[in-house]
Amino acid sequence: MTAVKTYQKVNVEKESLSFGISKMEDVYTKRNGKVDEPHRHNYYTVLIINKAKGQHKIDFNTYKLSDKQIFFVAPGQVHQVLESEKSFGFSMVFSNQFLVENSIRLSFIDSLNLFQNYGQSPPLTPNNEQFKTIAHFANQIYNLFHSDANMKLLSIGAFLKLLLIECNNVCSINPIESDVDTTGDNLIRAFKKGVETHYKKEHSTTFYANALHITPDHLNRTVKARIGKTAKDYIQARIVTEAKRLLYFADLSNKEIAYELGFNEPANFSTFFKKHTQLSPSNFKQNEVKS
């Protein structure tokens, strides 16, 4: 249905690997500076950029590449790095399998304010001291990954957790609080899972609140406190992102996409899309094809 390339495995040559880290400058050299096509991964990606120029597109949002940035790309997000010259830093990838096998709870990743599945995914911009700490952890991980150290994956897991905690502490919303109100975290996980399952047919906050046996107001307050947007905003961001992906990658008419995403009338879909993007579906597609 869609032409977008999806990478299923962290390492195509060694399928057993569930973690990988490379220097961005080595990747650039290996590819002779050739730009990759837009693609998605079924695993997490973290770019720790020391020096770069160009653009990074994530789900059709464009961010300028510059020095001392950190990008987080969640599984399923479509992204493309467009370098105007060689970048310096680290590209790190890991799967849920790696987290489980190295004693990192999936709920830990969910509690972070780093991997935004839909909507805006701007880079983190730490200050010099913060970036120095994060880069130190990345260096430790890189050296371990390319060593024969005993229990190196467990060590990498420990440094990865430290790196992510330091990154999360840079964020102004939702700092990690150990063992505090895990009920809220569980609710957010259940809500996100519900949205992922039903967003093509169910667009209302009330539906998801009822499924979780809470009031829409309670759901909105909890989601807003945890991820900085209301439940309605989250649901609509998911629909808009999927609409953009289908418009760009799938050979479907606007009418077919409207019905695919649960709109009774194509006109309702067009109105919804234009409200959230300031472009009609047709104009969005034309603009993206040109860019």
C-alpha atoms as a PDB file:
ATOM      1  CA  MET A   1       0.000   0.000   0.000  1.00  0.00           C
ATOM      2  CA  THR A   2       2.845   2.357   0.807  1.00  0.00           C
ATOM      3  CA  ALA A   3       6.199   2.795  -0.879  1.00  0.00           C
ATOM      4  CA  VAL A   4       8.049   4.065   2.165  1.00  0.00           C
ATOM      5  CA  LYS A   5      11.076   1.928   3.017  1.00  0.00           C
ATOM      6  CA  THR A   6      10.905   0.315   6.456  1.00  0.00           C
ATOM      7  CA  TYR A   7      13.957  -1.056   8.255  1.00  0.00           C
ATOM      8  CA  GLN A   8      12.866  -3.995  10.406  1.00  0.00           C
ATOM      9  CA  LYS A   9      16.240  -5.005  11.859  1.00  0.00           C
ATOM     10  CA  VAL A  10      18.804  -2.914  13.749  1.00  0.00           C
ATOM     11  CA  ASN A  11      21.544  -4.622  11.728  1.00  0.00           C
ATOM     12  CA  VAL A  12      20.715  -6.280   8.400  1.00  0.00           C
ATOM     13  CA  GLU A  13      23.979  -8.248   8.294  1.00  0.00           C
ATOM     14  CA  LYS A  14      23.755  -9.483  11.909  1.00  0.00           C
ATOM     15  CA  GLU A  15      20.068 -10.000  12.570  1.00  0.00           C
ATOM     16  CA  SER A  16      20.671 -11.101  16.160  1.00  0.00           C
ATOM     17  CA  LEU A  17      21.855  -7.594  17.113  1.00  0.00           C
ATOM     18  CA  SER A  18      19.312  -5.394  18.865  1.00  0.00           C
ATOM     19  CA  PHE A  19      21.631  -2.394  19.403  1.00  0.00           C
ATOM     20  CA  GLY A  20      23.978  -0.429  17.188  1.00  0.00           C
ATOM     21  CA  ILE A  21      26.030   2.754  17.261  1.00  0.00           C
ATOM     22  CA  SER A  22      28.012   4.404  14.465  1.00  0.00           C
ATOM     23  CA  LYS A  23      29.890   7.638  13.998  1.00  0.00           C
ATOM     24  CA  MET A  24      27.924   9.948  11.715  1.00  0.00           C
ATOM     25  CA  GLU A  25      31.095  10.926   9.873  1.00  0.00           C
ATOM     26  CA  ASP A  26      31.784   7.257   9.070  1.00  0.00           C
ATOM     27  CA  VAL A  27      28.248   6.763   7.747  1.00  0.00           C
ATOM     28  CA  TYR A  28      28.618   9.864   5.548  1.00  0.00           C
ATOM     29  CA  THR A  29      31.940   8.601   4.155  1.00  0.00           C
ATOM     30  CA  LYS A  30      30.586   5.082   3.577  1.00  0.00           C
ATOM     31  CA  ARG A  31      27.665   6.462   1.572  1.00  0.00           C
ATOM     32  CA  ASN A  32      29.837   8.995  -0.289  1.00  0.00           C
ATOM     33  CA  GLY A  33      27.548  11.747   0.979  1.00  0.00           C
ATOM     34  CA  LYS A  34      24.566  10.248  -0.861  1.00  0.00           C
ATOM     35  CA  VAL A  35      21.245  11.202   0.732  1.00  0.00           C
ATOM     36  CA  ASP A  36      19.012   8.371   1.911  1.00  0.00           C
ATOM     37  CA  GLU A  37      15.369   8.252   0.866  1.00  0.00           C
ATOM     38  CA  PRO A  38      12.675   8.982   3.471  1.00  0.00           C
ATOM     39  CA  HIS A  39      12.300   5.818   5.551  1.00  0.00           C
ATOM     40  CA  ARG A  40      11.091   4.482   8.878  1.00  0.00           C
ATOM     41  CA  HIS A  41      12.500   2.080  11.467  1.00  0.00           C
ATOM     42  CA  ASN A  42      10.801  -0.449  13.728  1.00  0.00           C
ATOM     43  CA  TYR A  43      13.228   0.599  16.483  1.00  0.00           C
ATOM     44  CA  TYR A  44      14.420   3.715  18.319  1.00  0.00           C
ATOM     45  CA  THR A  45      16.984   6.118  16.843  1.00  0.00           C
ATOM     46  CA  VAL A  46      19.028   8.747  18.701  1.00  0.00           C
ATOM     47  CA  LEU A  47      21.295  11.188  16.841  1.00  0.00           C
ATOM     48  CA  ILE A  48      23.856  12.900  19.082  1.00  0.00           C
ATOM     49  CA  ILE A  49      25.192  15.645  16.837  1.00  0.00           C
ATOM     50  CA  ASN A  50      28.395  17.459  17.673  1.00  0.00           C
ATOM     51  CA  LYS A  51      28.637  19.349  14.362  1.00  0.00           C
ATOM     52  CA  ALA A  52      26.321  19.373  11.351  1.00  0.00           C
ATOM     53  CA  LYS A  53      24.745  21.456   8.597  1.00  0.00           C
ATOM     54  CA  GLY A  54      21.622  20.622   6.647  1.00  0.00           C
ATOM     55  CA  GLN A  55      18.121  19.482   7.515  1.00  0.00           C
ATOM     56  CA  HIS A  56      16.424  16.650   9.338  1.00  0.00           C
ATOM     57  CA  LYS A  57      12.873  15.846   8.241  1.00  0.00           C
ATOM     58  CA  ILE A  58      10.712  13.901  10.710  1.00  0.00           C
ATOM     59  CA  ASP A  59       7.134  13.135   9.672  1.00  0.00           C
ATOM     60  CA  PHE A  60       7.163  16.083   7.227  1.00  0.00           C
ATOM     61  CA  ASN A  61       8.394  18.588   9.805  1.00  0.00           C
ATOM     62  CA  THR A  62      11.772  20.093   8.852  1.00  0.00           C
ATOM     63  CA  TYR A  63      14.420  20.941  11.459  1.00  0.00           C
ATOM     64  CA  LYS A  64      17.724  22.676  10.850  1.00  0.00           C
ATOM     65  CA  LEU A  65      20.831  20.623  11.598  1.00  0.00           C
ATOM     66  CA  SER A  66      23.348  22.488  13.728  1.00  0.00           C
ATOM     67  CA  ASP A  67      25.932  21.899  16.447  1.00  0.00           C
ATOM     68  CA  LYS A  68      25.210  20.238  19.811  1.00  0.00           C
ATOM     69  CA  GLN A  69      21.795  18.805  19.034  1.00  0.00           C
ATOM     70  CA  ILE A  70      20.108  15.541  19.924  1.00  0.00           C
ATOM     71  CA  PHE A  71      17.290  14.065  17.845  1.00  0.00           C
ATOM     72  CA  PHE A  72      14.963  11.273  18.980  1.00  0.00           C
ATOM     73  CA  VAL A  73      13.060   9.258  16.367  1.00  0.00           C
ATOM     74  CA  ALA A  74      10.414   6.824  17.592  1.00  0.00           C
ATOM     75  CA  PRO A  75       9.570   3.521  15.876  1.00  0.00           C
ATOM     76  CA  GLY A  76       7.295   4.144  12.904  1.00  0.00           C
ATOM     77  CA  GLN A  77       8.246   7.776  12.322  1.00  0.00           C
ATOM     78  CA  VAL A  78       9.274   8.634   8.755  1.00  0.00           C
ATOM     79  CA  HIS A  79      12.532  10.572   8.681  1.00  0.00           C
ATOM     80  CA  GLN A  80      15.310  11.706   6.370  1.00  0.00           C
ATOM     81  CA  VAL A  81      18.669  13.339   7.167  1.00  0.00           C
ATOM     82  CA  LEU A  82      19.793  15.823   4.496  1.00  0.00           C
ATOM     83  CA  GLU A  83      23.421  16.783   5.179  1.00  0.00           C
ATOM     84  CA  SER A  84      24.978  19.664   3.242  1.00  0.00           C
ATOM     85  CA  GLU A  85      28.404  18.536   4.491  1.00  0.00           C
ATOM     86  CA  LYS A  86      29.882  15.777   6.636  1.00  0.00           C
ATOM     87  CA  SER A  87      28.307  15.587  10.100  1.00  0.00           C
ATOM     88  CA  PHE A  88      30.155  14.631  13.273  1.00  0.00           C
ATOM     89  CA  GLY A  89      28.501  12.763  16.100  1.00  0.00           C
ATOM     90  CA  PHE A  90      26.830   9.438  16.820  1.00  0.00           C
ATOM     91  CA  SER A  91      23.853   7.577  15.375  1.00  0.00           C
ATOM     92  CA  MET A  92      22.500   5.086  17.909  1.00  0.00           C
ATOM     93  CA  VAL A  93      19.712   2.534  17.353  1.00  0.00           C
ATOM     94  CA  PHE A  94      18.097   0.047  19.712  1.00  0.00           C
ATOM     95  CA  SER A  95      14.995  -2.123  19.821  1.00  0.00           C
ATOM     96  CA  ASN A  96      12.514  -3.114  22.497  1.00  0.00           C
ATOM     97  CA  GLN A  97      14.297  -6.466  22.552  1.00  0.00           C
ATOM     98  CA  PHE A  98      17.529  -4.765  23.651  1.00  0.00           C
ATOM     99  CA  LEU A  99      15.738  -2.921  26.449  1.00  0.00           C
ATOM    100  CA  VAL A 100      14.104  -6.087  27.786  1.00  0.00           C
ATOM    101  CA  GLU A 101      17.265  -8.185  27.565  1.00  0.00           C
ATOM    102  CA  ASN A 102      19.316  -5.549  29.399  1.00  0.00           C
ATOM    103  CA  SER A 103      17.032  -4.807  32.327  1.00  0.00           C
ATOM    104  CA  ILE A 104      15.504  -1.554  31.038  1.00  0.00           C
ATOM    105  CA  ARG A 105      11.743  -1.533  31.510  1.00  0.00           C
ATOM    106  CA  LEU A 106       9.668  -0.467  28.530  1.00  0.00           C
ATOM    107  CA  SER A 107       7.777   1.758  30.959  1.00  0.00           C
ATOM    108  CA  PHE A 108      11.019   3.697  31.491  1.00  0.00           C
ATOM    109  CA  ILE A 109      11.112   4.695  27.801  1.00  0.00           C
ATOM    110  CA  ASP A 110       7.411   5.576  27.924  1.00  0.00           C
ATOM    111  CA  SER A 111       7.990   7.832  30.943  1.00  0.00           C
ATOM    112  CA  LEU A 112      10.531   9.957  29.053  1.00  0.00           C
ATOM    113  CA  ASN A 113       9.563  13.147  27.267  1.00  0.00           C
ATOM    114  CA  LEU A 114      11.920  12.334  24.400  1.00  0.00           C
ATOM    115  CA  PHE A 115      10.364  10.030  21.797  1.00  0.00           C
ATOM    116  CA  GLN A 116       7.317  11.849  20.384  1.00  0.00           C
ATOM    117  CA  ASN A 117       5.506   9.420  18.100  1.00  0.00           C
ATOM    118  CA  TYR A 118       3.500  12.058  16.261  1.00  0.00           C
ATOM    119  CA  GLY A 119       3.406  15.789  15.747  1.00  0.00           C
ATOM    120  CA  GLN A 120       6.495  17.896  16.375  1.00  0.00           C
ATOM    121  CA  SER A 121       9.830  16.183  17.157  1.00  0.00           C
ATOM    122  CA  PRO A 122      12.246  19.119  17.553  1.00  0.00           C
ATOM    123  CA  PRO A 123      15.862  18.455  18.556  1.00  0.00           C
ATOM    124  CA  LEU A 124      17.042  18.765  22.121  1.00  0.00           C
ATOM    125  CA  THR A 125      19.522  21.634  22.492  1.00  0.00           C
ATOM    126  CA  PRO A 126      21.531  21.106  25.710  1.00  0.00           C
ATOM    127  CA  ASN A 127      23.912  23.735  27.052  1.00  0.00           C
ATOM    128  CA  ASN A 128      27.643  23.069  26.771  1.00  0.00           C
ATOM    129  CA  GLU A 129      27.946  21.262  30.117  1.00  0.00           C
ATOM    130  CA  GLN A 130      24.869  19.125  29.485  1.00  0.00           C
ATOM    131  CA  PHE A 131      26.042  18.203  25.996  1.00  0.00           C
ATOM    132  CA  LYS A 132      29.493  17.335  27.328  1.00  0.00           C
ATOM    133  CA  THR A 133      27.929  14.837  29.755  1.00  0.00           C
ATOM    134  CA  ILE A 134      25.688  13.321  27.070  1.00  0.00           C
ATOM    135  CA  ALA A 135      28.587  13.082  24.588  1.00  0.00           C
ATOM    136  CA  HIS A 136      30.693  11.374  27.277  1.00  0.00           C
ATOM    137  CA  PHE A 137      28.048   8.674  27.718  1.00  0.00           C
ATOM    138  CA  ALA A 138      27.824   8.258  23.923  1.00  0.00           C
ATOM    139  CA  ASN A 139      31.602   7.823  23.698  1.00  0.00           C
ATOM    140  CA  GLN A 140      31.530   5.210  26.469  1.00  0.00           C
ATOM    141  CA  ILE A 141      28.765   3.348  24.638  1.00  0.00           C
ATOM    142  CA  TYR A 142      30.648   3.498  21.316  1.00  0.00           C
ATOM    143  CA  ASN A 143      33.876   2.196  22.874  1.00  0.00           C
ATOM    144  CA  LEU A 144      32.042  -0.599  24.670  1.00  0.00           C
ATOM    145  CA  PHE A 145      30.130  -1.631  21.548  1.00  0.00           C
ATOM    146  CA  HIS A 146      33.390  -2.017  19.621  1.00  0.00           C
ATOM    147  CA  SER A 147      35.150  -3.895  22.441  1.00  0.00           C
ATOM    148  CA  ASP A 148      35.227  -7.466  23.743  1.00  0.00           C
ATOM    149  CA  ALA A 149      34.380  -6.432  27.312  1.00  0.00           C
ATOM    150  CA  ASN A 150      32.562  -8.897  29.540  1.00  0.00           C
ATOM    151  CA  MET A 151      28.815  -8.227  29.765  1.00  0.00           C
ATOM    152  CA  LYS A 152      29.294  -5.299  27.404  1.00  0.00           C
ATOM    153  CA  LEU A 153      25.599  -5.131  26.439  1.00  0.00           C
ATOM    154  CA  LEU A 154      24.568  -4.784  30.078  1.00  0.00           C
ATOM    155  CA  SER A 155      27.146  -2.009  30.443  1.00  0.00           C
ATOM    156  CA  ILE A 156      25.836  -0.333  27.279  1.00  0.00           C
ATOM    157  CA  GLY A 157      22.316  -0.591  28.702  1.00  0.00           C
ATOM    158  CA  ALA A 158      23.437   1.144  31.902  1.00  0.00           C
ATOM    159  CA  PHE A 159      25.133   3.993  30.011  1.00  0.00           C
ATOM    160  CA  LEU A 160      22.142   4.279  27.641  1.00  0.00           C
ATOM    161  CA  LYS A 161      19.855   4.728  30.621  1.00  0.00           C
ATOM    162  CA  LEU A 162      22.151   7.421  32.059  1.00  0.00           C
ATOM    163  CA  LEU A 163      22.286   9.164  28.683  1.00  0.00           C
ATOM    164  CA  LEU A 164      18.493   9.177  28.331  1.00  0.00           C
ATOM    165  CA  ILE A 165      17.984  10.402  31.892  1.00  0.00           C
ATOM    166  CA  GLU A 166      20.416  13.268  31.299  1.00  0.00           C
ATOM    167  CA  CYS A 167      18.571  14.129  28.068  1.00  0.00           C
ATOM    168  CA  ASN A 168      15.217  14.002  29.817  1.00  0.00           C
ATOM    169  CA  ASN A 169      16.485  16.329  32.531  1.00  0.00           C
ATOM    170  CA  VAL A 170      17.155  18.920  29.817  1.00  0.00           C
ATOM    171  CA  CYS A 171      13.433  18.886  28.960  1.00  0.00           C
ATOM    172  CA  SER A 172      11.224  21.354  30.788  1.00  0.00           C
ATOM    173  CA  ILE A 173       8.181  19.052  30.803  1.00  0.00           C
ATOM    174  CA  ASN A 174       7.843  15.793  32.696  1.00  0.00           C
ATOM    175  CA  PRO A 175      11.156  15.302  34.531  1.00  0.00           C
ATOM    176  CA  ILE A 176      11.549  11.712  35.688  1.00  0.00           C
ATOM    177  CA  GLU A 177      10.483  11.073  39.243  1.00  0.00           C
ATOM    178  CA  SER A 178      11.441   7.599  40.401  1.00  0.00           C
ATOM    179  CA  ASP A 179       8.616   5.437  41.715  1.00  0.00           C
ATOM    180  CA  VAL A 180       6.167   8.366  41.841  1.00  0.00           C
ATOM    181  CA  ASP A 181       2.615   8.023  40.474  1.00  0.00           C
ATOM    182  CA  THR A 182       3.171   5.033  38.214  1.00  0.00           C
ATOM    183  CA  THR A 183      -0.620   4.951  37.808  1.00  0.00           C
ATOM    184  CA  GLY A 184      -0.370   7.977  35.535  1.00  0.00           C
ATOM    185  CA  ASP A 185       2.358   6.294  33.465  1.00  0.00           C
ATOM    186  CA  ASN A 186       0.230   3.151  33.104  1.00  0.00           C
ATOM    187  CA  LEU A 187      -2.735   5.250  31.986  1.00  0.00           C
ATOM    188  CA  ILE A 188      -0.651   7.052  29.344  1.00  0.00           C
ATOM    189  CA  ARG A 189       0.663   3.747  27.996  1.00  0.00           C
ATOM    190  CA  ALA A 190      -2.858   2.330  27.795  1.00  0.00           C
ATOM    191  CA  PHE A 191      -4.140   5.514  26.138  1.00  0.00           C
ATOM    192  CA  LYS A 192      -1.364   5.548  23.522  1.00  0.00           C
ATOM    193  CA  LYS A 193      -1.919   1.851  22.796  1.00  0.00           C
ATOM    194  CA  GLY A 194      -5.652   2.487  22.427  1.00  0.00           C
ATOM    195  CA  VAL A 195      -5.086   5.382  20.036  1.00  0.00           C
ATOM    196  CA  GLU A 196      -2.704   3.311  17.928  1.00  0.00           C
ATOM    197  CA  THR A 197      -5.310   0.548  17.680  1.00  0.00           C
ATOM    198  CA  HIS A 198      -8.425   2.638  17.030  1.00  0.00           C
ATOM    199  CA  TYR A 199      -7.441   6.089  15.664  1.00  0.00           C
ATOM    200  CA  LYS A 200      -8.645   5.282  12.143  1.00  0.00           C
ATOM    201  CA  LYS A 201     -12.198   4.812  13.391  1.00  0.00           C
ATOM    202  CA  GLU A 202     -12.432   6.560  16.762  1.00  0.00           C
ATOM    203  CA  HIS A 203     -11.562  10.264  16.939  1.00  0.00           C
ATOM    204  CA  SER A 204     -13.173  11.321  20.230  1.00  0.00           C
ATOM    205  CA  THR A 205     -11.559  11.656  23.644  1.00  0.00           C
ATOM    206  CA  THR A 206     -14.727  10.197  25.184  1.00  0.00           C
ATOM    207  CA  PHE A 207     -14.221   6.854  23.416  1.00  0.00           C
ATOM    208  CA  TYR A 208     -10.716   6.401  24.885  1.00  0.00           C
ATOM    209  CA  ALA A 209     -11.763   7.667  28.324  1.00  0.00           C
ATOM    210  CA  ASN A 210     -14.640   5.174  28.422  1.00  0.00           C
ATOM    211  CA  ALA A 211     -12.292   2.359  27.387  1.00  0.00           C
ATOM    212  CA  LEU A 212     -10.047   3.299  30.339  1.00  0.00           C
ATOM    213  CA  HIS A 213     -13.032   3.656  32.720  1.00  0.00           C
ATOM    214  CA  ILE A 214     -12.261   7.287  33.529  1.00  0.00           C
ATOM    215  CA  THR A 215     -13.814  10.638  32.630  1.00  0.00           C
ATOM    216  CA  PRO A 216     -12.631  12.602  29.569  1.00  0.00           C
ATOM    217  CA  ASP A 217     -11.593  15.416  31.924  1.00  0.00           C
ATOM    218  CA  HIS A 218      -9.390  13.050  33.964  1.00  0.00           C
ATOM    219  CA  LEU A 219      -7.830  11.686  30.768  1.00  0.00           C
ATOM    220  CA  ASN A 220      -7.132  15.176  29.424  1.00  0.00           C
ATOM    221  CA  ARG A 221      -5.548  16.352  32.683  1.00  0.00           C
ATOM    222  CA  THR A 222      -3.307  13.288  32.937  1.00  0.00           C
ATOM    223  CA  VAL A 223      -2.183  13.398  29.304  1.00  0.00           C
ATOM    224  CA  LYS A 224      -1.553  17.147  29.479  1.00  0.00           C
ATOM    225  CA  ALA A 225       0.545  16.762  32.639  1.00  0.00           C
ATOM    226  CA  ARG A 226       2.602  13.897  31.214  1.00  0.00           C
ATOM    227  CA  ILE A 227       3.207  14.803  27.575  1.00  0.00           C
ATOM    228  CA  GLY A 228       2.314  18.494  27.363  1.00  0.00           C
ATOM    229  CA  LYS A 229      -0.727  18.190  25.089  1.00  0.00           C
ATOM    230  CA  THR A 230      -4.371  17.223  25.615  1.00  0.00           C
ATOM    231  CA  ALA A 231      -5.743  13.808  24.715  1.00  0.00           C
ATOM    232  CA  LYS A 232      -7.660  15.416  21.838  1.00  0.00           C
ATOM    233  CA  ASP A 233      -4.461  17.049  20.549  1.00  0.00           C
ATOM    234  CA  TYR A 234      -2.659  13.686  20.701  1.00  0.00           C
ATOM    235  CA  ILE A 235      -5.433  11.854  18.817  1.00  0.00           C
ATOM    236  CA  GLN A 236      -5.608  14.546  16.143  1.00  0.00           C
ATOM    237  CA  ALA A 237      -1.810  14.636  15.751  1.00  0.00           C
ATOM    238  CA  ARG A 238      -1.880  10.887  15.122  1.00  0.00           C
ATOM    239  CA  ILE A 239      -4.543  11.281  12.426  1.00  0.00           C
ATOM    240  CA  VAL A 240      -2.737  14.208  10.753  1.00  0.00           C
ATOM    241  CA  THR A 241       0.574  12.331  10.697  1.00  0.00           C
ATOM    242  CA  GLU A 242      -1.010   9.257   9.126  1.00  0.00           C
ATOM    243  CA  ALA A 243      -2.819  11.466   6.609  1.00  0.00           C
ATOM    244  CA  LYS A 244       0.511  13.022   5.570  1.00  0.00           C
ATOM    245  CA  ARG A 245       2.126   9.609   5.230  1.00  0.00           C
ATOM    246  CA  LEU A 246      -0.738   8.282   3.100  1.00  0.00           C
ATOM    247  CA  LEU A 247      -0.871  11.403   0.922  1.00  0.00           C
ATOM    248  CA  TYR A 248       2.863  11.238   0.207  1.00  0.00           C
ATOM    249  CA  PHE A 249       3.594   7.519   0.067  1.00  0.00           C
ATOM    250  CA  ALA A 250       0.351   5.736  -0.851  1.00  0.00           C
ATOM    251  CA  ASP A 251      -1.286   5.659  -4.264  1.00  0.00           C
ATOM    252  CA  LEU A 252      -4.702   6.616  -2.884  1.00  0.00           C
ATOM    253  CA  SER A 253      -7.162   9.363  -3.738  1.00  0.00           C
ATOM    254  CA  ASN A 254      -8.169  11.961  -1.161  1.00  0.00           C
ATOM    255  CA  LYS A 255     -11.542  10.245  -0.953  1.00  0.00           C
ATOM    256  CA  GLU A 256      -9.958   6.860  -0.237  1.00  0.00           C
ATOM    257  CA  ILE A 257      -7.691   8.389   2.441  1.00  0.00           C
ATOM    258  CA  ALA A 258     -10.670  10.123   4.032  1.00  0.00           C
ATOM    259  CA  TYR A 259     -12.521   6.820   4.410  1.00  0.00           C
ATOM    260  CA  GLU A 260      -9.330   5.024   5.507  1.00  0.00           C
ATOM    261  CA  LEU A 261      -9.034   7.502   8.380  1.00  0.00           C
ATOM    262  CA  GLY A 262     -12.638   7.279   9.504  1.00  0.00           C
ATOM    263  CA  PHE A 263     -14.156  10.404   7.919  1.00  0.00           C
ATOM    264  CA  ASN A 264     -17.707   9.955   6.606  1.00  0.00           C
ATOM    265  CA  GLU A 265     -17.233  12.590   3.928  1.00  0.00           C
ATOM    266  CA  PRO A 266     -14.077  13.589   1.993  1.00  0.00           C
ATOM    267  CA  ALA A 267     -14.994  17.241   2.603  1.00  0.00           C
ATOM    268  CA  ASN A 268     -14.797  16.664   6.369  1.00  0.00           C
ATOM    269  CA  PHE A 269     -11.321  15.193   5.959  1.00  0.00           C
ATOM    270  CA  SER A 270     -10.179  18.137   3.819  1.00  0.00           C
ATOM    271  CA  THR A 271     -11.499  20.633   6.380  1.00  0.00           C
ATOM    272  CA  PHE A 272      -9.805  18.755   9.243  1.00  0.00           C
ATOM    273  CA  PHE A 273      -6.490  18.497   7.380  1.00  0.00           C
ATOM    274  CA  LYS A 274      -6.469  22.156   6.345  1.00  0.00           C
ATOM    275  CA  LYS A 275      -7.285  23.259   9.909  1.00  0.00           C
ATOM    276  CA  HIS A 276      -4.211  21.444  11.225  1.00  0.00           C
ATOM    277  CA  THR A 277      -1.739  22.077   8.392  1.00  0.00           C
ATOM    278  CA  GLN A 278      -3.007  25.274   6.690  1.00  0.00           C
ATOM    279  CA  LEU A 279      -2.901  23.322   3.418  1.00  0.00           C
ATOM    280  CA  SER A 280      -5.467  21.299   1.519  1.00  0.00           C
ATOM    281  CA  PRO A 281      -4.541  17.609   1.088  1.00  0.00           C
ATOM    282  CA  SER A 282      -3.814  18.205  -2.624  1.00  0.00           C
ATOM    283  CA  ASN A 283      -1.627  21.251  -1.950  1.00  0.00           C
ATOM    284  CA  PHE A 284       0.292  19.372   0.752  1.00  0.00           C
ATOM    285  CA  LYS A 285       1.055  16.551  -1.667  1.00  0.00           C
ATOM    286  CA  GLN A 286       2.139  18.973  -4.417  1.00  0.00           C
ATOM    287  CA  ASN A 287       4.406  20.901  -2.034  1.00  0.00           C
ATOM    288  CA  GLU A 288       6.078  17.754  -0.689  1.00  0.00           C
ATOM    289  CA  VAL A 289       6.674  16.284  -4.148  1.00  0.00           C
ATOM    290  CA  LYS A 290       8.376  19.534  -5.220  1.00  0.00           C
ATOM    291  CA  SER A 291      10.589  19.815  -2.110  1.00  0.00           C
END
